[in-house]
């Protein structure tokens, strides 16, 4: 049981997994923009998910870049 929870936490906290999930969330929000007519555009819950996806994407890219800098700055 402990190994399973440890394995799941490693998957959930992986920045590349978060990057893929955030791109999927952004695509869901963009898809709503293309389905709606421009004149009848209203705020939808998918737009909130897209905003959350953008924030997740920024966080994941930051973690990936931070890890890359650590690799190249090894003394």
PDB file of N, CA and C in Angstrom:
ATOM      1  N   UNK A   1       0.829  -1.192   0.000  1.00  0.00           N
ATOM      2  CA  UNK A   1       0.000   0.000   0.000  1.00  0.00           C
ATOM      3  C   UNK A   1       0.871   1.252   0.000  1.00  0.00           C
ATOM      4  N   UNK A   2       1.919   1.240   0.824  1.00  0.00           N
ATOM      5  CA  UNK A   2       2.789   2.403   0.919  1.00  0.00           C
ATOM      6  C   UNK A   2       3.534   2.644  -0.393  1.00  0.00           C
ATOM      7  N   UNK A   3       3.937   1.548  -1.058  1.00  0.00           N
ATOM      8  CA  UNK A   3       4.625   1.675  -2.340  1.00  0.00           C
ATOM      9  C   UNK A   3       3.702   2.236  -3.415  1.00  0.00           C
ATOM     10  N   UNK A   4       2.442   1.843  -3.381  1.00  0.00           N
ATOM     11  CA  UNK A   4       1.479   2.347  -4.354  1.00  0.00           C
ATOM     12  C   UNK A   4       1.236   3.835  -4.200  1.00  0.00           C
ATOM     13  N   UNK A   5       1.116   4.285  -2.961  1.00  0.00           N
ATOM     14  CA  UNK A   5       0.902   5.713  -2.705  1.00  0.00           C
ATOM     15  C   UNK A   5       2.140   6.507  -3.103  1.00  0.00           C
ATOM     16  N   UNK A   6       3.316   5.956  -2.811  1.00  0.00           N
ATOM     17  CA  UNK A   6       4.560   6.628  -3.200  1.00  0.00           C
ATOM     18  C   UNK A   6       4.667   6.737  -4.711  1.00  0.00           C
ATOM     19  N   UNK A   7       4.292   5.670  -5.410  1.00  0.00           N
ATOM     20  CA  UNK A   7       4.329   5.674  -6.875  1.00  0.00           C
ATOM     21  C   UNK A   7       3.360   6.700  -7.449  1.00  0.00           C
ATOM     22  N   UNK A   8       2.143   6.763  -6.912  1.00  0.00           N
ATOM     23  CA  UNK A   8       1.151   7.731  -7.393  1.00  0.00           C
ATOM     24  C   UNK A   8       1.587   9.165  -7.121  1.00  0.00           C
ATOM     25  N   UNK A   9       2.205   9.410  -5.970  1.00  0.00           N
ATOM     26  CA  UNK A   9       2.642  10.775  -5.674  1.00  0.00           C
ATOM     27  C   UNK A   9       3.770  11.203  -6.601  1.00  0.00           C
ATOM     28  N   UNK A  10       4.630  10.272  -7.006  1.00  0.00           N
ATOM     29  CA  UNK A  10       5.687  10.609  -7.970  1.00  0.00           C
ATOM     30  C   UNK A  10       5.092  10.959  -9.331  1.00  0.00           C
ATOM     31  N   UNK A  11       4.051  10.255  -9.741  1.00  0.00           N
ATOM     32  CA  UNK A  11       3.408  10.556 -11.026  1.00  0.00           C
ATOM     33  C   UNK A  11       2.703  11.909 -10.959  1.00  0.00           C
ATOM     34  N   UNK A  12       1.994  12.163  -9.882  1.00  0.00           N
ATOM     35  CA  UNK A  12       1.222  13.402  -9.753  1.00  0.00           C
ATOM     36  C   UNK A  12       2.130  14.619  -9.684  1.00  0.00           C
ATOM     37  N   UNK A  13       3.279  14.492  -9.058  1.00  0.00           N
ATOM     38  CA  UNK A  13       4.172  15.629  -8.879  1.00  0.00           C
ATOM     39  C   UNK A  13       5.182  15.799 -10.007  1.00  0.00           C
ATOM     40  N   UNK A  14       5.147  14.931 -11.007  1.00  0.00           N
ATOM     41  CA  UNK A  14       6.093  15.029 -12.118  1.00  0.00           C
ATOM     42  C   UNK A  14       5.757  16.245 -12.982  1.00  0.00           C
ATOM     43  N   UNK A  15       6.734  17.115 -13.272  1.00  0.00           N
ATOM     44  CA  UNK A  15       6.436  18.320 -14.040  1.00  0.00           C
ATOM     45  C   UNK A  15       6.023  18.031 -15.483  1.00  0.00           C
ATOM     46  N   UNK A  16       6.542  16.955 -16.072  1.00  0.00           N
ATOM     47  CA  UNK A  16       6.156  16.654 -17.451  1.00  0.00           C
ATOM     48  C   UNK A  16       4.707  16.183 -17.537  1.00  0.00           C
ATOM     49  N   UNK A  17       4.245  15.452 -16.547  1.00  0.00           N
ATOM     50  CA  UNK A  17       2.841  15.042 -16.498  1.00  0.00           C
ATOM     51  C   UNK A  17       1.957  16.276 -16.313  1.00  0.00           C
ATOM     52  N   UNK A  18       2.368  17.174 -15.424  1.00  0.00           N
ATOM     53  CA  UNK A  18       1.604  18.409 -15.221  1.00  0.00           C
ATOM     54  C   UNK A  18       1.567  19.258 -16.483  1.00  0.00           C
ATOM     55  N   UNK A  19       2.654  19.261 -17.244  1.00  0.00           N
ATOM     56  CA  UNK A  19       2.688  20.024 -18.488  1.00  0.00           C
ATOM     57  C   UNK A  19       1.697  19.448 -19.498  1.00  0.00           C
ATOM     58  N   UNK A  20       1.652  18.129 -19.618  1.00  0.00           N
ATOM     59  CA  UNK A  20       0.726  17.490 -20.554  1.00  0.00           C
ATOM     60  C   UNK A  20      -0.718  17.738 -20.141  1.00  0.00           C
ATOM     61  N   UNK A  21      -1.002  17.625 -18.845  1.00  0.00           N
ATOM     62  CA  UNK A  21      -2.362  17.869 -18.355  1.00  0.00           C
ATOM     63  C   UNK A  21      -2.761  19.326 -18.581  1.00  0.00           C
ATOM     64  N   UNK A  22      -1.836  20.250 -18.338  1.00  0.00           N
ATOM     65  CA  UNK A  22      -2.165  21.667 -18.520  1.00  0.00           C
ATOM     66  C   UNK A  22      -2.427  21.994 -19.988  1.00  0.00           C
ATOM     67  N   UNK A  23      -1.685  21.392 -20.883  1.00  0.00           N
ATOM     68  CA  UNK A  23      -1.941  21.619 -22.314  1.00  0.00           C
ATOM     69  C   UNK A  23      -3.320  21.090 -22.689  1.00  0.00           C
ATOM     70  N   UNK A  24      -3.695  19.949 -22.127  1.00  0.00           N
ATOM     71  CA  UNK A  24      -5.045  19.421 -22.370  1.00  0.00           C
ATOM     72  C   UNK A  24      -6.128  20.344 -21.864  1.00  0.00           C
ATOM     73  N   UNK A  25      -5.929  20.936 -20.689  1.00  0.00           N
ATOM     74  CA  UNK A  25      -6.914  21.869 -20.139  1.00  0.00           C
ATOM     75  C   UNK A  25      -7.019  23.137 -20.977  1.00  0.00           C
ATOM     76  N   UNK A  26      -5.894  23.605 -21.477  1.00  0.00           N
ATOM     77  CA  UNK A  26      -5.910  24.797 -22.341  1.00  0.00           C
ATOM     78  C   UNK A  26      -6.662  24.496 -23.634  1.00  0.00           C
ATOM     79  N   UNK A  27      -6.463  23.325 -24.186  1.00  0.00           N
ATOM     80  CA  UNK A  27      -7.161  22.932 -25.418  1.00  0.00           C
ATOM     81  C   UNK A  27      -8.666  22.867 -25.200  1.00  0.00           C
ATOM     82  N   UNK A  28      -9.090  22.396 -24.021  1.00  0.00           N
ATOM     83  CA  UNK A  28     -10.530  22.352 -23.716  1.00  0.00           C
ATOM     84  C   UNK A  28     -11.118  23.763 -23.739  1.00  0.00           C
ATOM     85  N   UNK A  29     -10.421  24.737 -23.170  1.00  0.00           N
ATOM     86  CA  UNK A  29     -10.918  26.117 -23.174  1.00  0.00           C
ATOM     87  C   UNK A  29     -10.933  26.731 -24.556  1.00  0.00           C
ATOM     88  N   UNK A  30      -9.920  26.436 -25.356  1.00  0.00           N
ATOM     89  CA  UNK A  30      -9.865  26.973 -26.726  1.00  0.00           C
ATOM     90  C   UNK A  30     -10.960  26.362 -27.589  1.00  0.00           C
ATOM     91  N   UNK A  31     -11.241  25.082 -27.350  1.00  0.00           N
ATOM     92  CA  UNK A  31     -12.292  24.396 -28.105  1.00  0.00           C
ATOM     93  C   UNK A  31     -13.643  25.067 -27.891  1.00  0.00           C
ATOM     94  N   UNK A  32     -13.895  25.541 -26.684  1.00  0.00           N
ATOM     95  CA  UNK A  32     -15.152  26.233 -26.398  1.00  0.00           C
ATOM     96  C   UNK A  32     -15.247  27.542 -27.182  1.00  0.00           C
ATOM     97  N   UNK A  33     -14.129  28.221 -27.384  1.00  0.00           N
ATOM     98  CA  UNK A  33     -14.141  29.462 -28.160  1.00  0.00           C
ATOM     99  C   UNK A  33     -14.501  29.209 -29.618  1.00  0.00           C
ATOM    100  N   UNK A  34     -14.031  28.105 -30.175  1.00  0.00           N
ATOM    101  CA  UNK A  34     -14.325  27.803 -31.576  1.00  0.00           C
ATOM    102  C   UNK A  34     -15.749  27.292 -31.775  1.00  0.00           C
ATOM    103  N   UNK A  35     -16.340  26.678 -30.748  1.00  0.00           N
ATOM    104  CA  UNK A  35     -17.715  26.187 -30.874  1.00  0.00           C
ATOM    105  C   UNK A  35     -18.724  27.328 -30.800  1.00  0.00           C
ATOM    106  N   UNK A  36     -18.448  28.325 -29.982  1.00  0.00           N
ATOM    107  CA  UNK A  36     -19.403  29.412 -29.768  1.00  0.00           C
ATOM    108  C   UNK A  36     -19.290  30.455 -30.881  1.00  0.00           C
ATOM    109  N   UNK A  37     -20.403  31.059 -31.191  1.00  0.00           N
ATOM    110  CA  UNK A  37     -20.427  32.171 -32.123  1.00  0.00           C
ATOM    111  C   UNK A  37     -19.815  33.385 -31.425  1.00  0.00           C
ATOM    112  N   UNK A  38     -19.077  34.198 -32.150  1.00  0.00           N
ATOM    113  CA  UNK A  38     -18.382  35.335 -31.550  1.00  0.00           C
ATOM    114  C   UNK A  38     -19.377  36.318 -30.923  1.00  0.00           C
ATOM    115  N   UNK A  39     -20.522  36.507 -31.531  1.00  0.00           N
ATOM    116  CA  UNK A  39     -21.500  37.453 -31.002  1.00  0.00           C
ATOM    117  C   UNK A  39     -22.212  36.919 -29.756  1.00  0.00           C
ATOM    118  N   UNK A  40     -22.265  35.609 -29.603  1.00  0.00           N
ATOM    119  CA  UNK A  40     -22.968  35.003 -28.475  1.00  0.00           C
ATOM    120  C   UNK A  40     -21.993  34.387 -27.457  1.00  0.00           C
ATOM    121  N   UNK A  41     -20.794  34.911 -27.429  1.00  0.00           N
ATOM    122  CA  UNK A  41     -19.771  34.383 -26.532  1.00  0.00           C
ATOM    123  C   UNK A  41     -20.078  34.781 -25.092  1.00  0.00           C
ATOM    124  N   UNK A  42     -20.099  33.808 -24.224  1.00  0.00           N
ATOM    125  CA  UNK A  42     -20.349  34.053 -22.796  1.00  0.00           C
ATOM    126  C   UNK A  42     -19.289  33.313 -21.991  1.00  0.00           C
ATOM    127  N   UNK A  43     -19.108  33.763 -20.769  1.00  0.00           N
ATOM    128  CA  UNK A  43     -18.155  33.098 -19.882  1.00  0.00           C
ATOM    129  C   UNK A  43     -18.707  31.718 -19.544  1.00  0.00           C
ATOM    130  N   UNK A  44     -17.875  30.724 -19.702  1.00  0.00           N
ATOM    131  CA  UNK A  44     -18.265  29.338 -19.500  1.00  0.00           C
ATOM    132  C   UNK A  44     -17.298  28.703 -18.521  1.00  0.00           C
ATOM    133  N   UNK A  45     -17.686  27.621 -17.882  1.00  0.00           N
ATOM    134  CA  UNK A  45     -16.800  26.971 -16.913  1.00  0.00           C
ATOM    135  C   UNK A  45     -15.533  26.458 -17.571  1.00  0.00           C
ATOM    136  N   UNK A  46     -15.584  26.181 -18.859  1.00  0.00           N
ATOM    137  CA  UNK A  46     -14.391  25.709 -19.560  1.00  0.00           C
ATOM    138  C   UNK A  46     -13.322  26.797 -19.643  1.00  0.00           C
ATOM    139  N   UNK A  47     -13.726  28.051 -19.622  1.00  0.00           N
ATOM    140  CA  UNK A  47     -12.742  29.131 -19.642  1.00  0.00           C
ATOM    141  C   UNK A  47     -11.957  29.172 -18.333  1.00  0.00           C
ATOM    142  N   UNK A  48     -12.616  28.880 -17.230  1.00  0.00           N
ATOM    143  CA  UNK A  48     -11.931  28.799 -15.942  1.00  0.00           C
ATOM    144  C   UNK A  48     -10.933  27.657 -15.911  1.00  0.00           C
ATOM    145  N   UNK A  49     -11.309  26.534 -16.507  1.00  0.00           N
ATOM    146  CA  UNK A  49     -10.390  25.399 -16.595  1.00  0.00           C
ATOM    147  C   UNK A  49      -9.195  25.765 -17.459  1.00  0.00           C
ATOM    148  N   UNK A  50      -9.442  26.502 -18.518  1.00  0.00           N
ATOM    149  CA  UNK A  50      -8.339  26.925 -19.391  1.00  0.00           C
ATOM    150  C   UNK A  50      -7.390  27.859 -18.651  1.00  0.00           C
ATOM    151  N   UNK A  51      -7.914  28.755 -17.855  1.00  0.00           N
ATOM    152  CA  UNK A  51      -7.077  29.654 -17.057  1.00  0.00           C
ATOM    153  C   UNK A  51      -6.239  28.858 -16.058  1.00  0.00           C
ATOM    154  N   UNK A  52      -6.859  27.876 -15.410  1.00  0.00           N
ATOM    155  CA  UNK A  52      -6.121  27.007 -14.491  1.00  0.00           C
ATOM    156  C   UNK A  52      -5.040  26.234 -15.248  1.00  0.00           C
ATOM    157  N   UNK A  53      -5.326  25.820 -16.474  1.00  0.00           N
ATOM    158  CA  UNK A  53      -4.333  25.130 -17.297  1.00  0.00           C
ATOM    159  C   UNK A  53      -3.142  26.011 -17.620  1.00  0.00           C
ATOM    160  N   UNK A  54      -3.386  27.291 -17.872  1.00  0.00           N
ATOM    161  CA  UNK A  54      -2.287  28.223 -18.147  1.00  0.00           C
ATOM    162  C   UNK A  54      -1.394  28.365 -16.909  1.00  0.00           C
ATOM    163  N   UNK A  55      -2.013  28.481 -15.741  1.00  0.00           N
ATOM    164  CA  UNK A  55      -1.228  28.588 -14.506  1.00  0.00           C
ATOM    165  C   UNK A  55      -0.433  27.310 -14.237  1.00  0.00           C
ATOM    166  N   UNK A  56      -1.046  26.146 -14.481  1.00  0.00           N
ATOM    167  CA  UNK A  56      -0.331  24.878 -14.326  1.00  0.00           C
ATOM    168  C   UNK A  56       0.830  24.774 -15.299  1.00  0.00           C
ATOM    169  N   UNK A  57       0.624  25.266 -16.518  1.00  0.00           N
ATOM    170  CA  UNK A  57       1.665  25.224 -17.543  1.00  0.00           C
ATOM    171  C   UNK A  57       2.854  26.085 -17.125  1.00  0.00           C
ATOM    172  N   UNK A  58       2.587  27.261 -16.617  1.00  0.00           N
ATOM    173  CA  UNK A  58       3.668  28.142 -16.164  1.00  0.00           C
ATOM    174  C   UNK A  58       4.449  27.487 -15.032  1.00  0.00           C
ATOM    175  N   UNK A  59       3.744  26.880 -14.094  1.00  0.00           N
ATOM    176  CA  UNK A  59       4.403  26.216 -12.978  1.00  0.00           C
ATOM    177  C   UNK A  59       5.239  25.023 -13.451  1.00  0.00           C
ATOM    178  N   UNK A  60       4.711  24.227 -14.370  1.00  0.00           N
ATOM    179  CA  UNK A  60       5.436  23.056 -14.858  1.00  0.00           C
ATOM    180  C   UNK A  60       6.681  23.463 -15.646  1.00  0.00           C
ATOM    181  N   UNK A  61       6.557  24.486 -16.486  1.00  0.00           N
ATOM    182  CA  UNK A  61       7.712  24.945 -17.251  1.00  0.00           C
ATOM    183  C   UNK A  61       8.775  25.502 -16.315  1.00  0.00           C
ATOM    184  N   UNK A  62       8.356  26.203 -15.271  1.00  0.00           N
ATOM    185  CA  UNK A  62       9.305  26.729 -14.283  1.00  0.00           C
ATOM    186  C   UNK A  62      10.072  25.591 -13.606  1.00  0.00           C
ATOM    187  N   UNK A  63       9.358  24.534 -13.195  1.00  0.00           N
ATOM    188  CA  UNK A  63      10.016  23.406 -12.539  1.00  0.00           C
ATOM    189  C   UNK A  63      10.972  22.687 -13.492  1.00  0.00           C
ATOM    190  N   UNK A  64      10.587  22.560 -14.749  1.00  0.00           N
ATOM    191  CA  UNK A  64      11.451  21.896 -15.732  1.00  0.00           C
ATOM    192  C   UNK A  64      12.707  22.723 -15.965  1.00  0.00           C
ATOM    193  N   UNK A  65      12.555  24.036 -16.133  1.00  0.00           N
ATOM    194  CA  UNK A  65      13.713  24.897 -16.355  1.00  0.00           C
ATOM    195  C   UNK A  65      14.609  24.945 -15.120  1.00  0.00           C
ATOM    196  N   UNK A  66      14.019  24.971 -13.943  1.00  0.00           N
ATOM    197  CA  UNK A  66      14.789  24.984 -12.701  1.00  0.00           C
ATOM    198  C   UNK A  66      15.617  23.703 -12.568  1.00  0.00           C
ATOM    199  N   UNK A  67      15.027  22.570 -12.921  1.00  0.00           N
ATOM    200  CA  UNK A  67      15.762  21.319 -12.896  1.00  0.00           C
ATOM    201  C   UNK A  67      16.875  21.274 -13.920  1.00  0.00           C
ATOM    202  N   UNK A  68      16.632  21.859 -15.096  1.00  0.00           N
ATOM    203  CA  UNK A  68      17.669  21.906 -16.124  1.00  0.00           C
ATOM    204  C   UNK A  68      18.847  22.775 -15.723  1.00  0.00           C
ATOM    205  N   UNK A  69      18.561  23.879 -15.052  1.00  0.00           N
ATOM    206  CA  UNK A  69      19.629  24.764 -14.580  1.00  0.00           C
ATOM    207  C   UNK A  69      20.465  24.053 -13.520  1.00  0.00           C
ATOM    208  N   UNK A  70      19.810  23.288 -12.634  1.00  0.00           N
ATOM    209  CA  UNK A  70      20.538  22.534 -11.616  1.00  0.00           C
ATOM    210  C   UNK A  70      21.466  21.503 -12.250  1.00  0.00           C
ATOM    211  N   UNK A  71      21.033  20.884 -13.333  1.00  0.00           N
ATOM    212  CA  UNK A  71      21.872  19.878 -14.002  1.00  0.00           C
ATOM    213  C   UNK A  71      23.117  20.520 -14.578  1.00  0.00           C
ATOM    214  N   UNK A  72      22.996  21.681 -15.186  1.00  0.00           N
ATOM    215  CA  UNK A  72      24.137  22.321 -15.839  1.00  0.00           C
ATOM    216  C   UNK A  72      25.019  23.094 -14.864  1.00  0.00           C
ATOM    217  N   UNK A  73      24.566  23.371 -13.655  1.00  0.00           N
ATOM    218  CA  UNK A  73      25.369  24.110 -12.673  1.00  0.00           C
ATOM    219  C   UNK A  73      26.029  23.208 -11.636  1.00  0.00           C
ATOM    220  N   UNK A  74      26.174  21.935 -11.943  1.00  0.00           N
ATOM    221  CA  UNK A  74      26.817  21.014 -11.015  1.00  0.00           C
ATOM    222  C   UNK A  74      28.314  21.305 -11.003  1.00  0.00           C
ATOM    223  N   UNK A  75      28.885  21.471  -9.834  1.00  0.00           N
ATOM    224  CA  UNK A  75      30.310  21.782  -9.707  1.00  0.00           C
ATOM    225  C   UNK A  75      31.143  20.549  -9.665  1.00  0.00           C
TER     226      UNK A  75
END
